[in-house]
Amino acid sequence: LLGRDKPSIGYIPSCSDMERKYFEHTVRYYNQLGIENIHYYDLD
């Protein structure tokens, strides 16, 4: 679906994650797929 050499991922948490606990899991997950460009967007 991403279909690009260097895709960008935007992470929007369902609630604020000030310690980035769940975001870090997401970063590790995408890093294993070779995706490095991951951004955290807290809308709260």
All heavy atoms as atom14 arrays in JSON, in Angstrom:
{
  "sequence": "LLGRDKPSIGYIPSCSDMERKYFEHTVRYYNQLGIENIHYYDLD",
  "atom14_mask": [
    [1, 1, 1, 1, 1, 1, 1, 1, 0, 0, 0, 0, 0, 0],
    [1, 1, 1, 1, 1, 1, 1, 1, 0, 0, 0, 0, 0, 0],
    [1, 1, 1, 1, 0, 0, 0, 0, 0, 0, 0, 0, 0, 0],
    [1, 1, 1, 1, 1, 1, 1, 1, 1, 1, 1, 0, 0, 0],
    [1, 1, 1, 1, 1, 1, 1, 1, 0, 0, 0, 0, 0, 0],
    [1, 1, 1, 1, 1, 1, 1, 1, 1, 0, 0, 0, 0, 0],
    [1, 1, 1, 1, 1, 1, 1, 0, 0, 0, 0, 0, 0, 0],
    [1, 1, 1, 1, 1, 1, 0, 0, 0, 0, 0, 0, 0, 0],
    [1, 1, 1, 1, 1, 1, 1, 1, 0, 0, 0, 0, 0, 0],
    [1, 1, 1, 1, 0, 0, 0, 0, 0, 0, 0, 0, 0, 0],
    [1, 1, 1, 1, 1, 1, 1, 1, 1, 1, 1, 1, 0, 0],
    [1, 1, 1, 1, 1, 1, 1, 1, 0, 0, 0, 0, 0, 0],
    [1, 1, 1, 1, 1, 1, 1, 0, 0, 0, 0, 0, 0, 0],
    [1, 1, 1, 1, 1, 1, 0, 0, 0, 0, 0, 0, 0, 0],
    [1, 1, 1, 1, 1, 1, 0, 0, 0, 0, 0, 0, 0, 0],
    [1, 1, 1, 1, 1, 1, 0, 0, 0, 0, 0, 0, 0, 0],
    [1, 1, 1, 1, 1, 1, 1, 1, 0, 0, 0, 0, 0, 0],
    [1, 1, 1, 1, 1, 1, 1, 1, 0, 0, 0, 0, 0, 0],
    [1, 1, 1, 1, 1, 1, 1, 1, 1, 0, 0, 0, 0, 0],
    [1, 1, 1, 1, 1, 1, 1, 1, 1, 1, 1, 0, 0, 0],
    [1, 1, 1, 1, 1, 1, 1, 1, 1, 0, 0, 0, 0, 0],
    [1, 1, 1, 1, 1, 1, 1, 1, 1, 1, 1, 1, 0, 0],
    [1, 1, 1, 1, 1, 1, 1, 1, 1, 1, 1, 0, 0, 0],
    [1, 1, 1, 1, 1, 1, 1, 1, 1, 0, 0, 0, 0, 0],
    [1, 1, 1, 1, 1, 1, 1, 1, 1, 1, 0, 0, 0, 0],
    [1, 1, 1, 1, 1, 1, 1, 0, 0, 0, 0, 0, 0, 0],
    [1, 1, 1, 1, 1, 1, 1, 0, 0, 0, 0, 0, 0, 0],
    [1, 1, 1, 1, 1, 1, 1, 1, 1, 1, 1, 0, 0, 0],
    [1, 1, 1, 1, 1, 1, 1, 1, 1, 1, 1, 1, 0, 0],
    [1, 1, 1, 1, 1, 1, 1, 1, 1, 1, 1, 1, 0, 0],
    [1, 1, 1, 1, 1, 1, 1, 1, 0, 0, 0, 0, 0, 0],
    [1, 1, 1, 1, 1, 1, 1, 1, 1, 0, 0, 0, 0, 0],
    [1, 1, 1, 1, 1, 1, 1, 1, 0, 0, 0, 0, 0, 0],
    [1, 1, 1, 1, 0, 0, 0, 0, 0, 0, 0, 0, 0, 0],
    [1, 1, 1, 1, 1, 1, 1, 1, 0, 0, 0, 0, 0, 0],
    [1, 1, 1, 1, 1, 1, 1, 1, 1, 0, 0, 0, 0, 0],
    [1, 1, 1, 1, 1, 1, 1, 1, 0, 0, 0, 0, 0, 0],
    [1, 1, 1, 1, 1, 1, 1, 1, 0, 0, 0, 0, 0, 0],
    [1, 1, 1, 1, 1, 1, 1, 1, 1, 1, 0, 0, 0, 0],
    [1, 1, 1, 1, 1, 1, 1, 1, 1, 1, 1, 1, 0, 0],
    [1, 1, 1, 1, 1, 1, 1, 1, 1, 1, 1, 1, 0, 0],
    [1, 1, 1, 1, 1, 1, 1, 1, 0, 0, 0, 0, 0, 0],
    [1, 1, 1, 1, 1, 1, 1, 1, 0, 0, 0, 0, 0, 0],
    [1, 1, 1, 1, 1, 1, 1, 1, 0, 0, 0, 0, 0, 0]
  ],
  "atom14_positions": [
    [[0.82, -1.21, 0.0], [0.0, 0.0, 0.0], [0.85, 1.26, 0.0], [0.53, 2.24, -0.67], [-0.95, 0.0, 1.2], [-2.11, -0.98, 1.13], [-2.8, -1.09, 2.47], [-3.1, -0.55, 0.05], [0.0, 0.0, 0.0], [0.0, 0.0, 0.0], [0.0, 0.0, 0.0], [0.0, 0.0, 0.0], [0.0, 0.0, 0.0], [0.0, 0.0, 0.0]],
    [[1.94, 1.24, 0.75], [2.81, 2.42, 0.81], [3.58, 2.57, -0.49], [3.75, 3.68, -0.99], [3.74, 2.33, 2.01], [3.04, 2.37, 3.36], [4.04, 2.14, 4.48], [2.31, 3.68, 3.56], [0.0, 0.0, 0.0], [0.0, 0.0, 0.0], [0.0, 0.0, 0.0], [0.0, 0.0, 0.0], [0.0, 0.0, 0.0], [0.0, 0.0, 0.0]],
    [[4.08, 1.46, -1.03], [4.68, 1.43, -2.35], [5.76, 2.47, -2.65], [5.85, 2.94, -3.76], [0.0, 0.0, 0.0], [0.0, 0.0, 0.0], [0.0, 0.0, 0.0], [0.0, 0.0, 0.0], [0.0, 0.0, 0.0], [0.0, 0.0, 0.0], [0.0, 0.0, 0.0], [0.0, 0.0, 0.0], [0.0, 0.0, 0.0], [0.0, 0.0, 0.0]],
    [[6.57, 2.83, -1.7], [7.61, 3.82, -1.91], [8.9, 3.33, -1.27], [8.89, 2.51, -0.37], [7.21, 5.15, -1.28], [5.98, 5.76, -1.93], [5.41, 6.9, -1.18], [6.38, 7.91, -0.83], [6.09, 9.0, -0.16], [4.86, 9.21, 0.23], [7.01, 9.88, 0.13], [0.0, 0.0, 0.0], [0.0, 0.0, 0.0], [0.0, 0.0, 0.0]],
    [[10.02, 3.91, -1.74], [11.32, 3.53, -1.17], [11.47, 4.0, 0.27], [12.01, 3.3, 1.1], [12.46, 4.11, -2.01], [12.57, 3.41, -3.35], [12.17, 2.24, -3.45], [13.05, 4.06, -4.29], [0.0, 0.0, 0.0], [0.0, 0.0, 0.0], [0.0, 0.0, 0.0], [0.0, 0.0, 0.0], [0.0, 0.0, 0.0], [0.0, 0.0, 0.0]],
    [[11.01, 5.21, 0.56], [11.14, 5.78, 1.9], [9.79, 6.35, 2.35], [9.61, 7.56, 2.38], [12.22, 6.85, 1.91], [13.59, 6.29, 1.61], [14.65, 7.31, 1.78], [15.99, 6.66, 1.47], [17.09, 7.38, 1.99], [0.0, 0.0, 0.0], [0.0, 0.0, 0.0], [0.0, 0.0, 0.0], [0.0, 0.0, 0.0], [0.0, 0.0, 0.0]],
    [[8.87, 5.49, 2.72], [7.55, 5.98, 3.13], [7.6, 6.74, 4.45], [8.52, 6.56, 5.25], [6.71, 4.71, 3.27], [7.7, 3.63, 3.5], [8.95, 4.04, 2.79], [0.0, 0.0, 0.0], [0.0, 0.0, 0.0], [0.0, 0.0, 0.0], [0.0, 0.0, 0.0], [0.0, 0.0, 0.0], [0.0, 0.0, 0.0], [0.0, 0.0, 0.0]],
    [[6.62, 7.57, 4.66], [6.49, 8.35, 5.89], [5.23, 7.88, 6.61], [4.17, 7.77, 6.01], [6.38, 9.84, 5.55], [6.2, 10.6, 6.71], [0.0, 0.0, 0.0], [0.0, 0.0, 0.0], [0.0, 0.0, 0.0], [0.0, 0.0, 0.0], [0.0, 0.0, 0.0], [0.0, 0.0, 0.0], [0.0, 0.0, 0.0], [0.0, 0.0, 0.0]],
    [[5.38, 7.63, 7.91], [4.26, 7.16, 8.74], [3.92, 8.25, 9.74], [4.79, 8.81, 10.4], [4.65, 5.89, 9.53], [5.08, 4.75, 8.6], [3.53, 5.46, 10.47], [3.98, 4.13, 7.82], [0.0, 0.0, 0.0], [0.0, 0.0, 0.0], [0.0, 0.0, 0.0], [0.0, 0.0, 0.0], [0.0, 0.0, 0.0], [0.0, 0.0, 0.0]],
    [[2.65, 8.57, 9.86], [2.17, 9.49, 10.88], [1.4, 8.7, 11.92], [0.46, 7.98, 11.59], [0.0, 0.0, 0.0], [0.0, 0.0, 0.0], [0.0, 0.0, 0.0], [0.0, 0.0, 0.0], [0.0, 0.0, 0.0], [0.0, 0.0, 0.0], [0.0, 0.0, 0.0], [0.0, 0.0, 0.0], [0.0, 0.0, 0.0], [0.0, 0.0, 0.0]],
    [[1.8, 8.8, 13.17], [1.18, 8.07, 14.27], [0.29, 9.05, 15.04], [0.78, 10.05, 15.56], [2.25, 7.49, 15.18], [1.71, 6.78, 16.41], [1.35, 5.45, 16.35], [1.59, 7.45, 17.62], [0.86, 4.79, 17.48], [1.1, 6.8, 18.75], [0.74, 5.48, 18.67], [0.26, 4.84, 19.78], [0.0, 0.0, 0.0], [0.0, 0.0, 0.0]],
    [[-1.01, 8.78, 15.11], [-1.95, 9.61, 15.86], [-2.51, 8.74, 16.98], [-3.3, 7.83, 16.71], [-3.08, 10.13, 14.97], [-2.51, 10.93, 13.8], [-4.06, 10.98, 15.78], [-3.52, 11.32, 12.75], [0.0, 0.0, 0.0], [0.0, 0.0, 0.0], [0.0, 0.0, 0.0], [0.0, 0.0, 0.0], [0.0, 0.0, 0.0], [0.0, 0.0, 0.0]],
    [[-2.12, 9.01, 18.23], [-2.61, 8.18, 19.34], [-4.08, 8.47, 19.64], [-4.57, 9.58, 19.4], [-1.72, 8.59, 20.51], [-1.34, 10.0, 20.21], [-1.23, 10.08, 18.71], [0.0, 0.0, 0.0], [0.0, 0.0, 0.0], [0.0, 0.0, 0.0], [0.0, 0.0, 0.0], [0.0, 0.0, 0.0], [0.0, 0.0, 0.0], [0.0, 0.0, 0.0]],
    [[-4.77, 7.48, 20.17], [-6.17, 7.67, 20.55], [-6.3, 8.55, 21.79], [-7.34, 9.15, 22.02], [-6.86, 6.33, 20.79], [-6.19, 5.62, 21.81], [0.0, 0.0, 0.0], [0.0, 0.0, 0.0], [0.0, 0.0, 0.0], [0.0, 0.0, 0.0], [0.0, 0.0, 0.0], [0.0, 0.0, 0.0], [0.0, 0.0, 0.0], [0.0, 0.0, 0.0]],
    [[-5.23, 8.63, 22.58], [-5.14, 9.55, 23.71], [-3.65, 9.87, 23.9], [-2.8, 9.16, 23.4], [-5.76, 8.99, 24.98], [-4.94, 7.52, 25.6], [0.0, 0.0, 0.0], [0.0, 0.0, 0.0], [0.0, 0.0, 0.0], [0.0, 0.0, 0.0], [0.0, 0.0, 0.0], [0.0, 0.0, 0.0], [0.0, 0.0, 0.0], [0.0, 0.0, 0.0]],
    [[-3.37, 10.95, 24.59], [-1.98, 11.36, 24.75], [-1.13, 10.25, 25.37], [-1.57, 9.56, 26.28], [-1.89, 12.61, 25.63], [-2.49, 13.69, 24.94], [0.0, 0.0, 0.0], [0.0, 0.0, 0.0], [0.0, 0.0, 0.0], [0.0, 0.0, 0.0], [0.0, 0.0, 0.0], [0.0, 0.0, 0.0], [0.0, 0.0, 0.0], [0.0, 0.0, 0.0]],
    [[0.05, 10.11, 24.86], [1.0, 9.08, 25.31], [2.29, 9.82, 25.64], [3.26, 9.77, 24.9], [1.19, 8.06, 24.18], [2.16, 6.94, 24.52], [2.49, 6.77, 25.72], [2.59, 6.24, 23.59], [0.0, 0.0, 0.0], [0.0, 0.0, 0.0], [0.0, 0.0, 0.0], [0.0, 0.0, 0.0], [0.0, 0.0, 0.0], [0.0, 0.0, 0.0]],
    [[2.28, 10.53, 26.74], [3.39, 11.4, 27.09], [4.71, 10.66, 27.22], [5.77, 11.2, 26.92], [3.09, 12.18, 28.38], [1.81, 13.02, 28.31], [1.72, 14.13, 26.9], [2.82, 15.4, 27.47], [0.0, 0.0, 0.0], [0.0, 0.0, 0.0], [0.0, 0.0, 0.0], [0.0, 0.0, 0.0], [0.0, 0.0, 0.0], [0.0, 0.0, 0.0]],
    [[4.68, 9.4, 27.64], [5.91, 8.62, 27.76], [6.27, 7.92, 26.45], [7.3, 7.28, 26.35], [5.78, 7.56, 28.88], [5.74, 8.15, 30.28], [4.35, 8.66, 30.65], [3.33, 8.06, 30.21], [4.27, 9.68, 31.35], [0.0, 0.0, 0.0], [0.0, 0.0, 0.0], [0.0, 0.0, 0.0], [0.0, 0.0, 0.0], [0.0, 0.0, 0.0]],
    [[5.38, 8.01, 25.45], [5.58, 7.41, 24.13], [5.7, 5.89, 24.19], [6.32, 5.26, 23.33], [6.8, 8.0, 23.41], [6.84, 9.51, 23.29], [5.77, 10.0, 22.34], [6.01, 11.37, 21.91], [5.44, 12.44, 22.45], [4.6, 12.3, 23.47], [5.69, 13.64, 21.99], [0.0, 0.0, 0.0], [0.0, 0.0, 0.0], [0.0, 0.0, 0.0]],
    [[5.07, 5.28, 25.18], [5.14, 3.82, 25.35], [4.59, 3.09, 24.11], [5.25, 2.21, 23.57], [4.34, 3.42, 26.59], [4.21, 1.93, 26.8], [3.36, 1.62, 28.03], [3.11, 0.14, 28.15], [2.22, -0.17, 29.26], [0.0, 0.0, 0.0], [0.0, 0.0, 0.0], [0.0, 0.0, 0.0], [0.0, 0.0, 0.0], [0.0, 0.0, 0.0]],
    [[3.41, 3.45, 23.68], [2.79, 2.78, 22.55], [3.42, 3.23, 21.23], [3.54, 2.45, 20.28], [1.28, 3.01, 22.55], [0.65, 2.42, 23.79], [0.29, 3.22, 24.87], [0.48, 1.04, 23.9], [-0.25, 2.67, 26.01], [-0.06, 0.48, 25.06], [-0.42, 1.31, 26.11], [-0.94, 0.76, 27.25], [0.0, 0.0, 0.0], [0.0, 0.0, 0.0]],
    [[3.85, 4.47, 21.19], [4.54, 4.97, 20.0], [5.84, 4.21, 19.77], [6.17, 3.85, 18.64], [4.79, 6.47, 20.12], [5.56, 7.04, 18.96], [5.02, 7.03, 17.69], [6.81, 7.6, 19.15], [5.72, 7.56, 16.62], [7.52, 8.13, 18.09], [6.97, 8.11, 16.82], [0.0, 0.0, 0.0], [0.0, 0.0, 0.0], [0.0, 0.0, 0.0]],
    [[6.58, 3.93, 20.83], [7.84, 3.2, 20.69], [7.61, 1.8, 20.13], [8.41, 1.31, 19.33], [8.59, 3.14, 22.03], [9.18, 4.48, 22.44], [10.11, 5.08, 21.4], [10.9, 4.33, 20.79], [10.04, 6.3, 21.18], [0.0, 0.0, 0.0], [0.0, 0.0, 0.0], [0.0, 0.0, 0.0], [0.0, 0.0, 0.0], [0.0, 0.0, 0.0]],
    [[6.52, 1.16, 20.54], [6.17, -0.14, 19.96], [5.94, 0.01, 18.46], [6.41, -0.8, 17.65], [4.93, -0.73, 20.64], [4.32, -1.87, 19.88], [4.92, -3.1, 19.76], [3.18, -1.94, 19.15], [4.16, -3.9, 19.02], [3.11, -3.21, 18.64], [0.0, 0.0, 0.0], [0.0, 0.0, 0.0], [0.0, 0.0, 0.0], [0.0, 0.0, 0.0]],
    [[5.23, 1.05, 18.08], [4.94, 1.31, 16.67], [6.22, 1.57, 15.89], [6.4, 1.06, 14.78], [3.96, 2.49, 16.54], [2.75, 2.17, 17.24], [3.66, 2.81, 15.1], [0.0, 0.0, 0.0], [0.0, 0.0, 0.0], [0.0, 0.0, 0.0], [0.0, 0.0, 0.0], [0.0, 0.0, 0.0], [0.0, 0.0, 0.0], [0.0, 0.0, 0.0]],
    [[7.12, 2.36, 16.46], [8.4, 2.65, 15.81], [9.17, 1.35, 15.57], [9.68, 1.1, 14.48], [9.24, 3.64, 16.64], [10.66, 3.72, 16.13], [8.58, 5.02, 16.64], [0.0, 0.0, 0.0], [0.0, 0.0, 0.0], [0.0, 0.0, 0.0], [0.0, 0.0, 0.0], [0.0, 0.0, 0.0], [0.0, 0.0, 0.0], [0.0, 0.0, 0.0]],
    [[9.25, 0.5, 16.58], [9.96, -0.77, 16.43], [9.32, -1.64, 15.35], [10.0, -2.27, 14.55], [10.01, -1.52, 17.76], [11.0, -0.95, 18.75], [11.22, -1.85, 19.95], [10.0, -2.25, 20.63], [9.39, -1.55, 21.59], [9.9, -0.4, 22.0], [8.29, -2.0, 22.16], [0.0, 0.0, 0.0], [0.0, 0.0, 0.0], [0.0, 0.0, 0.0]],
    [[8.0, -1.66, 15.33], [7.27, -2.46, 14.34], [7.63, -2.02, 12.92], [8.0, -2.83, 12.08], [5.76, -2.33, 14.57], [4.93, -3.23, 13.69], [4.54, -4.48, 14.14], [4.54, -2.84, 12.42], [3.78, -5.32, 13.36], [3.78, -3.67, 11.62], [3.4, -4.9, 12.09], [2.65, -5.74, 11.3], [0.0, 0.0, 0.0], [0.0, 0.0, 0.0]],
    [[7.53, -0.72, 12.68], [7.82, -0.22, 11.33], [9.3, -0.29, 10.99], [9.66, -0.5, 9.84], [7.27, 1.18, 11.14], [5.77, 1.2, 11.0], [4.97, 1.86, 11.9], [5.15, 0.53, 9.94], [3.58, 1.87, 11.77], [3.77, 0.52, 9.81], [2.99, 1.2, 10.72], [1.64, 1.19, 10.59], [0.0, 0.0, 0.0], [0.0, 0.0, 0.0]],
    [[10.17, -0.12, 11.97], [11.6, -0.25, 11.72], [11.93, -1.65, 11.22], [12.8, -1.82, 10.35], [12.41, 0.04, 12.97], [12.48, 1.51, 13.33], [12.94, 1.86, 14.41], [12.05, 2.4, 12.47], [0.0, 0.0, 0.0], [0.0, 0.0, 0.0], [0.0, 0.0, 0.0], [0.0, 0.0, 0.0], [0.0, 0.0, 0.0], [0.0, 0.0, 0.0]],
    [[11.25, -2.67, 11.73], [11.47, -4.04, 11.28], [11.08, -4.23, 9.81], [11.57, -5.13, 9.14], [10.69, -5.03, 12.14], [11.22, -5.15, 13.54], [10.38, -6.09, 14.39], [9.41, -6.68, 13.93], [10.75, -6.22, 15.65], [0.0, 0.0, 0.0], [0.0, 0.0, 0.0], [0.0, 0.0, 0.0], [0.0, 0.0, 0.0], [0.0, 0.0, 0.0]],
    [[10.21, -3.34, 9.31], [9.8, -3.39, 7.91], [10.69, -2.51, 7.04], [10.47, -2.39, 5.84], [8.34, -2.92, 7.76], [7.28, -3.76, 8.46], [5.9, -3.16, 8.23], [7.32, -5.19, 8.01], [0.0, 0.0, 0.0], [0.0, 0.0, 0.0], [0.0, 0.0, 0.0], [0.0, 0.0, 0.0], [0.0, 0.0, 0.0], [0.0, 0.0, 0.0]],
    [[11.68, -1.87, 7.66], [12.57, -0.99, 6.92], [12.08, 0.43, 6.8], [12.6, 1.22, 6.03], [0.0, 0.0, 0.0], [0.0, 0.0, 0.0], [0.0, 0.0, 0.0], [0.0, 0.0, 0.0], [0.0, 0.0, 0.0], [0.0, 0.0, 0.0], [0.0, 0.0, 0.0], [0.0, 0.0, 0.0], [0.0, 0.0, 0.0], [0.0, 0.0, 0.0]],
    [[11.06, 0.79, 7.57], [10.49, 2.14, 7.54], [11.06, 2.93, 8.7], [10.92, 2.54, 9.86], [8.95, 2.09, 7.61], [8.4, 1.29, 6.43], [8.36, 3.49, 7.65], [6.93, 0.97, 6.52], [0.0, 0.0, 0.0], [0.0, 0.0, 0.0], [0.0, 0.0, 0.0], [0.0, 0.0, 0.0], [0.0, 0.0, 0.0], [0.0, 0.0, 0.0]],
    [[11.72, 4.04, 8.4], [12.4, 4.84, 9.42], [11.73, 6.19, 9.69], [11.93, 6.78, 10.73], [13.85, 5.08, 9.0], [14.66, 3.81, 8.8], [14.95, 3.08, 10.09], [15.08, 3.74, 11.14], [15.03, 1.83, 10.06], [0.0, 0.0, 0.0], [0.0, 0.0, 0.0], [0.0, 0.0, 0.0], [0.0, 0.0, 0.0], [0.0, 0.0, 0.0]],
    [[10.95, 6.69, 8.76], [10.38, 8.03, 8.84], [9.0, 7.98, 9.52], [7.97, 7.87, 8.84], [10.29, 8.62, 7.42], [10.05, 10.1, 7.42], [10.09, 10.75, 8.45], [9.77, 10.63, 6.25], [0.0, 0.0, 0.0], [0.0, 0.0, 0.0], [0.0, 0.0, 0.0], [0.0, 0.0, 0.0], [0.0, 0.0, 0.0], [0.0, 0.0, 0.0]],
    [[9.0, 8.06, 10.86], [7.78, 7.89, 11.64], [7.6, 9.11, 12.54], [8.49, 9.47, 13.3], [7.85, 6.59, 12.48], [8.16, 5.41, 11.57], [6.56, 6.37, 13.25], [8.69, 4.2, 12.28], [0.0, 0.0, 0.0], [0.0, 0.0, 0.0], [0.0, 0.0, 0.0], [0.0, 0.0, 0.0], [0.0, 0.0, 0.0], [0.0, 0.0, 0.0]],
    [[6.42, 9.73, 12.44], [6.15, 10.97, 13.17], [5.01, 10.78, 14.17], [4.02, 10.12, 13.87], [5.77, 12.09, 12.21], [6.76, 12.29, 11.12], [7.87, 13.07, 11.28], [6.84, 11.76, 9.88], [8.58, 13.05, 10.17], [7.98, 12.25, 9.3], [0.0, 0.0, 0.0], [0.0, 0.0, 0.0], [0.0, 0.0, 0.0], [0.0, 0.0, 0.0]],
    [[5.15, 11.4, 15.33], [4.13, 11.33, 16.39], [3.29, 12.62, 16.34], [3.84, 13.72, 16.4], [4.83, 11.21, 17.75], [3.89, 11.13, 18.93], [3.41, 9.91, 19.37], [3.49, 12.27, 19.62], [2.56, 9.82, 20.47], [2.65, 12.19, 20.71], [2.18, 10.97, 21.12], [1.35, 10.89, 22.2], [0.0, 0.0, 0.0], [0.0, 0.0, 0.0]],
    [[1.97, 12.48, 16.21], [1.06, 13.62, 16.18], [0.02, 13.48, 17.29], [-0.96, 12.76, 17.14], [0.34, 13.73, 14.83], [1.27, 13.97, 13.67], [1.56, 12.96, 12.76], [1.86, 15.22, 13.49], [2.41, 13.19, 11.69], [2.72, 15.45, 12.43], [2.98, 14.44, 11.53], [3.83, 14.66, 10.48], [0.0, 0.0, 0.0], [0.0, 0.0, 0.0]],
    [[0.25, 14.18, 18.37], [-0.71, 14.18, 19.49], [-1.72, 15.3, 19.21], [-1.36, 16.47, 19.19], [0.03, 14.44, 20.8], [-0.87, 14.37, 22.01], [-2.1, 14.56, 21.88], [-0.35, 14.13, 23.11], [0.0, 0.0, 0.0], [0.0, 0.0, 0.0], [0.0, 0.0, 0.0], [0.0, 0.0, 0.0], [0.0, 0.0, 0.0], [0.0, 0.0, 0.0]],
    [[-2.97, 14.93, 18.98], [-3.99, 15.92, 18.68], [-4.68, 16.45, 19.92], [-5.58, 17.28, 19.82], [-5.03, 15.33, 17.72], [-4.47, 14.81, 16.4], [-5.58, 14.25, 15.54], [-3.7, 15.9, 15.67], [0.0, 0.0, 0.0], [0.0, 0.0, 0.0], [0.0, 0.0, 0.0], [0.0, 0.0, 0.0], [0.0, 0.0, 0.0], [0.0, 0.0, 0.0]],
    [[-4.24, 16.02, 21.08], [-4.86, 16.42, 22.34], [-3.99, 17.44, 23.07], [-4.21, 18.64, 22.97], [-5.1, 15.17, 23.2], [-5.89, 15.45, 24.46], [-6.62, 16.45, 24.51], [-5.78, 14.65, 25.39], [0.0, 0.0, 0.0], [0.0, 0.0, 0.0], [0.0, 0.0, 0.0], [0.0, 0.0, 0.0], [0.0, 0.0, 0.0], [0.0, 0.0, 0.0]]
  ]
}
